[in-house]
C-alpha atoms as a PDB file:
ATOM      1  CA  MET A   1      25.168   4.927  -3.486  1.00  0.00           C
ATOM      2  CA  GLY A   2      24.924   4.477   0.473  1.00  0.00           C
ATOM      3  CA  THR A   3      24.317   1.638   2.639  1.00  0.00           C
ATOM      4  CA  THR A   4      22.338  -1.028   2.413  1.00  0.00           C
ATOM      5  CA  LEU A   5      20.691  -2.090   5.327  1.00  0.00           C
ATOM      6  CA  ASP A   6      18.292  -6.063   4.576  1.00  0.00           C
ATOM      7  CA  ALA A   7      15.925  -6.288   7.535  1.00  0.00           C
ATOM      8  CA  ARG A   8      13.299  -8.965   5.504  1.00  0.00           C
ATOM      9  CA  GLY A   9      12.471 -11.825   7.988  1.00  0.00           C
ATOM     10  CA  LEU A  10      12.550  -9.298  10.949  1.00  0.00           C
ATOM     11  CA  SER A  11       9.724  -8.979  13.231  1.00  0.00           C
ATOM     12  CA  CYS A  12       8.930  -5.016  13.821  1.00  0.00           C
ATOM     13  CA  PRO A  13      10.327  -3.315  15.450  1.00  0.00           C
ATOM     14  CA  GLN A  14      14.021  -4.844  14.894  1.00  0.00           C
ATOM     15  CA  PRO A  15      14.230  -3.461  11.212  1.00  0.00           C
ATOM     16  CA  VAL A  16      13.781  -0.265  12.449  1.00  0.00           C
ATOM     17  CA  LEU A  17      16.419  -0.207  14.994  1.00  0.00           C
ATOM     18  CA  MET A  18      19.136  -1.104  12.237  1.00  0.00           C
ATOM     19  CA  ALA A  19      17.620   2.008  10.192  1.00  0.00           C
ATOM     20  CA  LEU A  20      18.059   4.470  13.579  1.00  0.00           C
ATOM     21  CA  ASP A  21      21.424   2.903  14.670  1.00  0.00           C
ATOM     22  CA  GLU A  22      22.620   3.476  10.109  1.00  0.00           C
ATOM     23  CA  ILE A  23      20.937   7.112  10.876  1.00  0.00           C
ATOM     24  CA  LYS A  24      22.697   7.500  14.295  1.00  0.00           C
ATOM     25  CA  LYS A  25      26.429   7.091  12.621  1.00  0.00           C
ATOM     26  CA  LEU A  26      25.918   8.762   8.809  1.00  0.00           C
ATOM     27  CA  ASN A  27      24.494  11.669  10.065  1.00  0.00           C
ATOM     28  CA  SER A  28      23.741  12.381   6.843  1.00  0.00           C
ATOM     29  CA  GLY A  29      23.429  10.522   3.035  1.00  0.00           C
ATOM     30  CA  GLU A  30      21.173   7.912   2.116  1.00  0.00           C
ATOM     31  CA  ILE A  31      19.619   4.575   3.303  1.00  0.00           C
ATOM     32  CA  GLU A  32      18.790   1.886   1.672  1.00  0.00           C
ATOM     33  CA  ILE A  33      16.238  -0.328   3.643  1.00  0.00           C
ATOM     34  CA  LEU A  34      15.162  -3.536   2.613  1.00  0.00           C
ATOM     35  CA  VAL A  35      11.563  -5.043   4.078  1.00  0.00           C
ATOM     36  CA  ASP A  36       9.065  -7.161   4.116  1.00  0.00           C
ATOM     37  CA  THR A  37       5.987  -6.366   5.435  1.00  0.00           C
ATOM     38  CA  ASP A  38       4.022  -3.503   5.244  1.00  0.00           C
ATOM     39  CA  THR A  39       4.013  -2.547   8.825  1.00  0.00           C
ATOM     40  CA  SER A  40       8.207  -2.590   8.652  1.00  0.00           C
ATOM     41  CA  ARG A  41       7.822  -0.342   5.677  1.00  0.00           C
ATOM     42  CA  GLU A  42       5.788   2.166   7.667  1.00  0.00           C
ATOM     43  CA  ASN A  43       7.424   1.890  10.853  1.00  0.00           C
ATOM     44  CA  VAL A  44      10.997   2.609   9.079  1.00  0.00           C
ATOM     45  CA  SER A  45       9.869   5.628   6.925  1.00  0.00           C
ATOM     46  CA  ARG A  46       7.573   7.235   9.889  1.00  0.00           C
ATOM     47  CA  ALA A  47      11.529   6.503  11.902  1.00  0.00           C
ATOM     48  CA  ALA A  48      13.347   8.038   9.740  1.00  0.00           C
ATOM     49  CA  ASP A  49      11.437  11.342   9.296  1.00  0.00           C
ATOM     50  CA  SER A  50      11.145  11.669  12.839  1.00  0.00           C
ATOM     51  CA  GLN A  51      14.569  11.893  12.393  1.00  0.00           C
ATOM     52  CA  GLY A  52      15.281  14.240  10.271  1.00  0.00           C
ATOM     53  CA  TRP A  53      15.726  12.278   7.299  1.00  0.00           C
ATOM     54  CA  CYS A  54      13.523  12.342   4.111  1.00  0.00           C
ATOM     55  CA  VAL A  55      11.940   9.444   2.182  1.00  0.00           C
ATOM     56  CA  LYS A  56      12.927   9.843  -0.883  1.00  0.00           C
ATOM     57  CA  ASN A  57      11.629   6.576  -2.557  1.00  0.00           C
ATOM     58  CA  VAL A  58       9.394   2.764  -1.088  1.00  0.00           C
ATOM     59  CA  GLN A  59       9.578   0.520  -3.743  1.00  0.00           C
ATOM     60  CA  GLN A  60       8.058  -2.385  -3.930  1.00  0.00           C
ATOM     61  CA  GLU A  61       9.794  -5.101  -5.052  1.00  0.00           C
ATOM     62  CA  GLY A  62       9.026  -8.873  -5.326  1.00  0.00           C
ATOM     63  CA  GLU A  63       7.020  -9.707  -1.940  1.00  0.00           C
ATOM     64  CA  GLY A  64       9.241  -6.508   0.191  1.00  0.00           C
ATOM     65  CA  TYR A  65       9.841  -3.333   0.003  1.00  0.00           C
ATOM     66  CA  ARG A  66      13.103  -1.067  -0.939  1.00  0.00           C
ATOM     67  CA  ILE A  67      12.975   2.256   0.752  1.00  0.00           C
ATOM     68  CA  VAL A  68      15.583   4.789   0.146  1.00  0.00           C
ATOM     69  CA  ILE A  69      16.249   7.520   2.492  1.00  0.00           C
ATOM     70  CA  THR A  70      18.219  10.548   2.702  1.00  0.00           C
ATOM     71  CA  LYS A  71      19.407  13.497   4.094  1.00  0.00           C
ATOM     72  CA  ASP A  72      21.587  16.690   2.690  1.00  0.00           C
ATOM     73  CA  LEU A  73      24.589  17.655   5.335  1.00  0.00           C
END
């Protein structure tokens, strides 16, 4: 399992910026991002896609979402 980022309680663009920072650090692998709004879910997914990462899974969890993004070498 890769890195987990907890961006719950943060308003945009903070969850997106956290995800992009981690994407730049890792270059490949798996990142799990926890968010608590539909807007954050959509924006993080779109940002990951724009960086060449694949949104592998989006799972509703309580009042938020667990987004798993991956990128192969």
